Amino acid sequence: MMERLWRNLILALALGVAVFVAITVFAGLEELAAAAASFDYSLIPAILALVSLSYVGRFVRWLYYLRLLGVSVPLGTNAAIFAAGLSMTVSPGKLGEVLKSVFVRQVSGDPVARTAPAVVAERVTDGTGMLVWGLLGALAFSFGPGLLIFFLLFTALGIAVLRSKRLSLLAERVLSGVPLLRRLVPHLHDFHASSNQLLAARPLAVATGISFLSWGLECTAVYLCSVAAGADSPFLVVVFIFAISSIAGSLSMLPGGIGAAEAGLAVMFVTVAGLARGPAAALTFVIRLATLWYATAIGVVGLLVVRALLGDREGVGATK
């Protein structure tokens, strides 16, 4: 399993390098170098501290979900498992973070099908928390909120589907008729029960509140990136650009949104914030390093710690 994870990380890194090269061509090497030379690197510690605090907030949400499910994992081990999940930030839609459920199963014995909905609920409330910030920016500066509202409706539809007992029973019937997928049927009940519990109104509101605060820390870090790059764009304009680009990256289902998110940031910093191409490209690089690749680096460390704690046991990829 670990070899497959490292291979996926290397492929994502190669894709990231290719995207950075494309954006360098978009900006022009001389303009990008000039923007990098004028960047205020003294703000980097504050930027990384804010991003780190945002992950602490997300860890609190993970603990909240496991408590609701009645799953008990020692705090230190759980922190390492959560950190390891960040290595899957470069997976499509971050859904590779279901790796956390695999590790939880090794520690507590709880089936993956029972805790995997916590990962899905994380992605849902990441979306709702970021949508609130994006809508604030859209409304404050009269940007078109249409895409954000569409994504909100799409998220609401997804929640309804995940909580639907009728659709769960339909999925059981469909899977029962497919020999290769029949073994998943016994796990659907656990998956639906956990999804229904975690996406109920109260947990959804609590987790969205935590997500909103966590994204607020990350949005502040992104704003500091813009300040360090010499941009004078208002906070909510930067937040709007970051929100739209993040959502575009998620909808693209590319690993880590790589390519779609960078394109959105670079183009919108030019067209919406009015930056020249060089500063826009430099700012895009710094934001993605601070919000994507920094998380991935933490995740790699987390993977090493979890491997030391749990070992690379046989059957780690099992679903039961």
Protein backbone atom coordinates (compact mmCIF):
# COMPACT_ATOMS: atom_id res chain seq x y z
CA MET A 1 0.00 0.00 0.00
CA MET A 2 2.75 2.44 0.94
CA GLU A 3 4.49 1.95 -2.40
CA ARG A 4 1.26 2.83 -4.20
CA LEU A 5 0.85 5.96 -2.06
CA TRP A 6 4.39 7.14 -2.81
CA ARG A 7 3.85 6.51 -6.52
CA ASN A 8 0.66 8.59 -6.49
CA LEU A 9 2.42 11.40 -4.64
CA ILE A 10 5.25 11.42 -7.17
CA LEU A 11 2.77 11.56 -10.06
CA ALA A 12 0.94 14.47 -8.42
CA LEU A 13 4.24 16.27 -7.88
CA ALA A 14 5.15 15.79 -11.54
CA LEU A 15 1.76 17.21 -12.56
CA GLY A 16 2.30 20.16 -10.23
CA VAL A 17 5.70 20.90 -11.75
CA ALA A 18 4.19 20.80 -15.25
CA VAL A 19 1.47 23.27 -14.19
CA PHE A 20 4.04 25.60 -12.61
CA VAL A 21 6.03 25.55 -15.86
CA ALA A 22 2.87 26.42 -17.83
CA ILE A 23 2.11 29.35 -15.53
CA THR A 24 5.71 30.54 -15.83
CA VAL A 25 5.26 30.63 -19.59
CA PHE A 26 1.95 32.48 -19.09
CA ALA A 27 3.63 35.15 -16.94
CA GLY A 28 7.03 35.35 -18.59
CA LEU A 29 10.18 34.29 -16.76
CA GLU A 30 11.56 37.82 -16.31
CA GLU A 31 8.30 39.19 -14.93
CA LEU A 32 7.93 36.20 -12.58
CA ALA A 33 11.53 36.58 -11.35
CA ALA A 34 10.99 40.28 -10.68
CA ALA A 35 7.79 39.53 -8.72
CA ALA A 36 9.57 36.82 -6.72
CA ALA A 37 12.44 39.21 -5.92
CA SER A 38 10.03 41.81 -4.50
CA PHE A 39 8.03 39.30 -2.44
CA ASP A 40 8.02 39.97 1.33
CA TYR A 41 9.31 36.63 2.61
CA SER A 42 9.16 37.80 6.24
CA LEU A 43 5.42 36.98 6.18
CA ILE A 44 5.98 33.30 5.37
CA PRO A 45 6.08 32.17 9.05
CA ALA A 46 2.76 33.91 9.76
CA ILE A 47 1.23 32.42 6.61
CA LEU A 48 2.27 28.88 7.53
CA ALA A 49 1.18 29.38 11.15
CA LEU A 50 -2.33 30.37 10.02
CA VAL A 51 -2.56 27.42 7.64
CA SER A 52 -1.38 25.10 10.42
CA LEU A 53 -4.06 26.46 12.76
CA SER A 54 -6.66 25.82 10.07
CA TYR A 55 -5.64 22.14 10.11
CA VAL A 56 -6.02 22.11 13.89
CA GLY A 57 -9.60 23.29 13.36
CA ARG A 58 -10.21 20.52 10.85
CA PHE A 59 -8.76 17.99 13.30
CA VAL A 60 -11.28 19.18 15.89
CA ARG A 61 -14.03 18.50 13.33
CA TRP A 62 -12.62 14.98 12.73
CA LEU A 63 -12.65 14.33 16.49
CA TYR A 64 -16.25 15.58 16.63
CA TYR A 65 -17.30 13.18 13.87
CA LEU A 66 -15.62 10.18 15.49
CA ARG A 67 -17.23 11.05 18.84
CA LEU A 68 -20.65 11.12 17.17
CA LEU A 69 -19.94 7.68 15.71
CA GLY A 70 -18.75 6.32 19.05
CA VAL A 71 -15.29 5.54 17.66
CA SER A 72 -12.43 5.75 20.15
CA VAL A 73 -8.81 6.29 19.07
CA PRO A 74 -5.98 7.53 21.35
CA LEU A 75 -5.49 11.27 20.79
CA GLY A 76 -1.83 11.10 19.73
CA THR A 77 -2.45 8.24 17.31
CA ASN A 78 -5.53 9.99 15.98
CA ALA A 79 -3.53 13.18 15.35
CA ALA A 80 -0.96 11.17 13.39
CA ILE A 81 -3.74 9.47 11.40
CA PHE A 82 -5.35 12.83 10.63
CA ALA A 83 -1.99 14.25 9.53
CA ALA A 84 -1.37 11.19 7.34
CA GLY A 85 -4.70 11.87 5.64
CA LEU A 86 -3.33 15.21 4.47
CA SER A 87 -1.01 13.30 2.14
CA MET A 88 -4.18 12.60 0.15
CA THR A 89 -4.81 16.33 -0.36
CA VAL A 90 -3.49 15.67 -3.88
CA SER A 91 -6.14 13.00 -4.54
CA PRO A 92 -9.24 13.85 -6.66
CA GLY A 93 -11.64 15.76 -4.41
CA LYS A 94 -9.42 14.79 -1.46
CA LEU A 95 -11.49 11.62 -1.20
CA GLY A 96 -8.27 9.63 -0.88
CA GLU A 97 -8.40 10.76 2.73
CA VAL A 98 -10.54 7.67 3.32
CA LEU A 99 -7.08 6.31 4.12
CA LYS A 100 -7.75 7.68 7.61
CA SER A 101 -10.61 5.22 7.97
CA VAL A 102 -8.30 2.36 7.02
CA PHE A 103 -5.87 3.38 9.76
CA VAL A 104 -8.70 3.86 12.27
CA ARG A 105 -9.84 0.31 11.54
CA GLN A 106 -6.35 -0.94 12.40
CA VAL A 107 -6.48 0.82 15.78
CA SER A 108 -10.11 0.46 16.88
CA GLY A 109 -11.45 -2.37 14.73
CA ASP A 110 -14.33 -0.19 13.46
CA PRO A 111 -15.20 -1.03 9.83
CA VAL A 112 -14.09 1.36 7.13
CA ALA A 113 -17.71 1.59 5.97
CA ARG A 114 -18.64 3.05 9.34
CA THR A 115 -16.03 5.83 9.45
CA ALA A 116 -15.60 6.58 5.72
CA PRO A 117 -18.73 8.81 5.80
CA ALA A 118 -16.77 11.08 8.16
CA VAL A 119 -14.36 11.76 5.29
CA VAL A 120 -17.30 12.44 2.96
CA ALA A 121 -18.86 14.74 5.59
CA GLU A 122 -15.52 16.58 5.84
CA ARG A 123 -15.59 17.26 2.12
CA VAL A 124 -19.24 18.38 2.29
CA THR A 125 -18.61 20.84 5.13
CA ASP A 126 -15.37 22.01 3.53
CA GLY A 127 -17.62 23.00 0.65
CA THR A 128 -20.29 24.66 2.77
CA GLY A 129 -17.74 26.53 4.89
CA MET A 130 -15.87 27.84 1.85
CA LEU A 131 -19.14 28.69 0.09
CA VAL A 132 -20.08 31.06 2.92
CA TRP A 133 -16.76 32.90 2.50
CA GLY A 134 -17.15 33.01 -1.26
CA LEU A 135 -20.69 34.36 -0.99
CA LEU A 136 -19.50 37.07 1.39
CA GLY A 137 -16.96 38.18 -1.21
CA ALA A 138 -19.46 37.93 -4.07
CA LEU A 139 -22.10 39.98 -2.25
CA ALA A 140 -19.67 42.58 -0.87
CA PHE A 141 -18.31 43.46 -4.31
CA SER A 142 -21.30 42.57 -6.49
CA PHE A 143 -19.52 39.69 -8.16
CA GLY A 144 -21.76 37.13 -9.81
CA PRO A 145 -22.63 34.57 -7.10
CA GLY A 146 -24.23 32.21 -9.62
CA LEU A 147 -21.50 29.55 -9.56
CA LEU A 148 -21.42 29.57 -5.76
CA ILE A 149 -25.20 29.20 -5.52
CA PHE A 150 -25.10 26.35 -8.05
CA PHE A 151 -22.45 24.57 -6.00
CA LEU A 152 -24.52 25.12 -2.85
CA LEU A 153 -27.55 23.50 -4.51
CA PHE A 154 -25.36 20.68 -5.81
CA THR A 155 -24.05 20.10 -2.27
CA ALA A 156 -27.58 20.07 -0.85
CA LEU A 157 -28.56 17.48 -3.46
CA GLY A 158 -25.54 15.36 -2.54
CA ILE A 159 -26.48 15.47 1.15
CA ALA A 160 -30.03 14.39 0.32
CA VAL A 161 -28.72 11.48 -1.76
CA LEU A 162 -26.34 10.30 0.97
CA ARG A 163 -29.13 10.40 3.59
CA SER A 164 -31.78 8.74 1.42
CA LYS A 165 -32.82 5.33 2.72
CA ARG A 166 -34.63 4.59 -0.55
CA LEU A 167 -31.48 5.19 -2.60
CA SER A 168 -29.46 3.11 -0.14
CA LEU A 169 -31.82 0.16 -0.66
CA LEU A 170 -31.67 0.69 -4.43
CA ALA A 171 -27.86 0.63 -4.29
CA GLU A 172 -28.01 -2.64 -2.34
CA ARG A 173 -30.19 -4.23 -5.02
CA VAL A 174 -27.96 -3.01 -7.83
CA LEU A 175 -24.74 -4.18 -6.17
CA SER A 176 -26.31 -7.54 -5.29
CA GLY A 177 -26.71 -8.19 -9.00
CA VAL A 178 -23.04 -7.51 -9.80
CA PRO A 179 -20.82 -10.43 -8.72
CA LEU A 180 -17.64 -8.36 -8.38
CA LEU A 181 -19.38 -5.75 -6.19
CA ARG A 182 -21.65 -8.06 -4.20
CA ARG A 183 -19.20 -8.14 -1.30
CA LEU A 184 -19.83 -4.43 -0.69
CA VAL A 185 -23.52 -4.93 0.11
CA PRO A 186 -23.03 -5.82 3.81
CA HIS A 187 -21.16 -2.55 4.32
CA LEU A 188 -23.83 -0.29 2.78
CA HIS A 189 -25.96 -0.32 5.93
CA ASP A 190 -23.05 0.95 8.06
CA PHE A 191 -22.18 3.56 5.43
CA HIS A 192 -25.75 4.85 5.17
CA ALA A 193 -26.29 4.88 8.94
CA SER A 194 -23.12 6.92 9.54
CA SER A 195 -23.87 9.27 6.63
CA ASN A 196 -27.38 9.86 7.92
CA GLN A 197 -26.04 10.61 11.39
CA LEU A 198 -23.18 12.93 10.39
CA LEU A 199 -25.17 14.89 7.80
CA ALA A 200 -28.19 15.52 10.04
CA ALA A 201 -29.04 19.18 10.64
CA ARG A 202 -27.21 19.71 13.96
CA PRO A 203 -23.91 17.95 13.05
CA LEU A 204 -23.99 19.66 9.66
CA ALA A 205 -24.40 23.09 11.29
CA VAL A 206 -21.69 22.45 13.90
CA ALA A 207 -19.20 21.08 11.37
CA THR A 208 -19.93 23.89 8.91
CA GLY A 209 -19.23 26.40 11.71
CA ILE A 210 -15.89 24.72 12.42
CA SER A 211 -15.15 24.64 8.71
CA PHE A 212 -16.03 28.33 8.34
CA LEU A 213 -13.58 29.26 11.11
CA SER A 214 -10.88 26.97 9.71
CA TRP A 215 -11.31 28.36 6.20
CA GLY A 216 -11.22 31.84 7.71
CA LEU A 217 -7.72 31.14 9.01
CA GLU A 218 -6.66 29.80 5.62
CA CYS A 219 -8.27 32.75 3.80
CA THR A 220 -6.35 35.11 6.08
CA ALA A 221 -3.16 33.25 5.18
CA VAL A 222 -3.99 33.63 1.48
CA TYR A 223 -4.63 37.34 2.02
CA LEU A 224 -1.21 37.67 3.68
CA CYS A 225 0.23 36.01 0.57
CA SER A 226 -1.32 38.78 -1.50
CA VAL A 227 0.06 41.43 0.86
CA ALA A 228 3.53 39.86 0.62
CA ALA A 229 3.23 39.95 -3.17
CA GLY A 230 2.49 43.68 -3.06
CA ALA A 231 -1.16 43.40 -4.11
CA ASP A 232 -3.57 45.94 -2.63
CA SER A 233 -6.76 43.94 -3.21
CA PRO A 234 -9.35 43.98 -0.38
CA PHE A 235 -9.58 40.90 1.83
CA LEU A 236 -12.95 39.72 0.49
CA VAL A 237 -11.81 40.09 -3.14
CA VAL A 238 -8.88 37.77 -2.43
CA VAL A 239 -11.24 35.42 -0.58
CA PHE A 240 -13.67 35.38 -3.52
CA ILE A 241 -10.87 34.52 -5.96
CA PHE A 242 -9.55 31.80 -3.64
CA ALA A 243 -13.04 30.35 -3.12
CA ILE A 244 -13.91 30.20 -6.82
CA SER A 245 -10.53 28.68 -7.70
CA SER A 246 -10.78 26.09 -4.92
CA ILE A 247 -14.28 25.09 -6.02
CA ALA A 248 -13.12 24.86 -9.65
CA GLY A 249 -10.29 22.60 -8.52
CA SER A 250 -12.71 20.37 -6.61
CA LEU A 251 -15.18 20.14 -9.48
CA SER A 252 -12.40 19.27 -11.92
CA MET A 253 -11.75 16.02 -9.96
CA LEU A 254 -8.10 16.36 -10.91
CA PRO A 255 -5.59 15.26 -8.24
CA GLY A 256 -5.58 18.11 -5.74
CA GLY A 257 -7.37 20.24 -8.33
CA ILE A 258 -3.91 20.72 -9.86
CA GLY A 259 -4.17 22.73 -13.04
CA ALA A 260 -7.74 23.97 -12.59
CA ALA A 261 -7.08 25.77 -9.29
CA GLU A 262 -3.82 27.35 -10.49
CA ALA A 263 -5.43 28.52 -13.72
CA GLY A 264 -8.34 30.01 -11.78
CA LEU A 265 -6.06 31.85 -9.37
CA ALA A 266 -3.71 33.23 -12.03
CA VAL A 267 -6.44 34.34 -14.43
CA MET A 268 -8.68 35.85 -11.74
CA PHE A 269 -5.84 37.74 -10.08
CA VAL A 270 -5.27 39.36 -13.48
CA THR A 271 -8.90 39.92 -14.51
CA VAL A 272 -10.59 40.54 -11.14
CA ALA A 273 -7.81 41.93 -8.94
CA GLY A 274 -6.05 43.76 -11.76
CA LEU A 275 -2.57 42.36 -11.12
CA ALA A 276 0.07 42.09 -13.81
CA ARG A 277 0.83 38.57 -14.99
CA GLY A 278 4.14 38.31 -13.13
CA PRO A 279 2.77 39.14 -9.66
CA ALA A 280 -0.36 37.07 -10.37
CA ALA A 281 1.75 34.01 -11.23
CA ALA A 282 4.05 34.50 -8.23
CA LEU A 283 1.04 34.84 -5.95
CA THR A 284 -0.50 31.69 -7.43
CA PHE A 285 2.71 29.77 -6.73
CA VAL A 286 2.91 30.91 -3.13
CA ILE A 287 -0.77 30.23 -2.40
CA ARG A 288 -0.60 26.70 -3.77
CA LEU A 289 2.65 25.98 -1.96
CA ALA A 290 1.11 27.19 1.30
CA THR A 291 -2.31 25.55 0.93
CA LEU A 292 -1.70 22.38 -1.12
CA TRP A 293 1.92 21.31 -0.98
CA TYR A 294 2.47 22.32 2.65
CA ALA A 295 -0.46 20.07 3.60
CA THR A 296 0.98 17.29 1.47
CA ALA A 297 4.34 17.62 3.20
CA ILE A 298 2.64 17.38 6.61
CA GLY A 299 0.80 14.33 5.31
CA VAL A 300 4.03 12.60 4.27
CA VAL A 301 5.42 13.12 7.78
CA GLY A 302 2.13 11.82 9.18
CA LEU A 303 2.36 8.71 7.00
CA LEU A 304 5.84 7.97 8.31
CA VAL A 305 4.66 8.39 11.90
CA VAL A 306 1.60 6.19 11.38
CA ARG A 307 3.71 3.54 9.70
CA ALA A 308 6.06 3.59 12.71
CA LEU A 309 3.09 3.33 15.10
CA LEU A 310 1.01 0.75 13.28
CA GLY A 311 3.30 -0.90 10.79
CA ASP A 312 2.38 -1.70 7.17
CA ARG A 313 0.09 -4.56 8.18
CA GLU A 314 -1.35 -7.14 5.88
CA GLY A 315 -4.87 -6.46 4.74
CA VAL A 316 -4.59 -2.71 5.33
CA GLY A 317 -6.62 -2.14 2.20
CA ALA A 318 -9.56 -4.22 3.39
CA THR A 319 -12.95 -2.64 3.79
CA LYS A 320 -14.06 -4.54 6.86
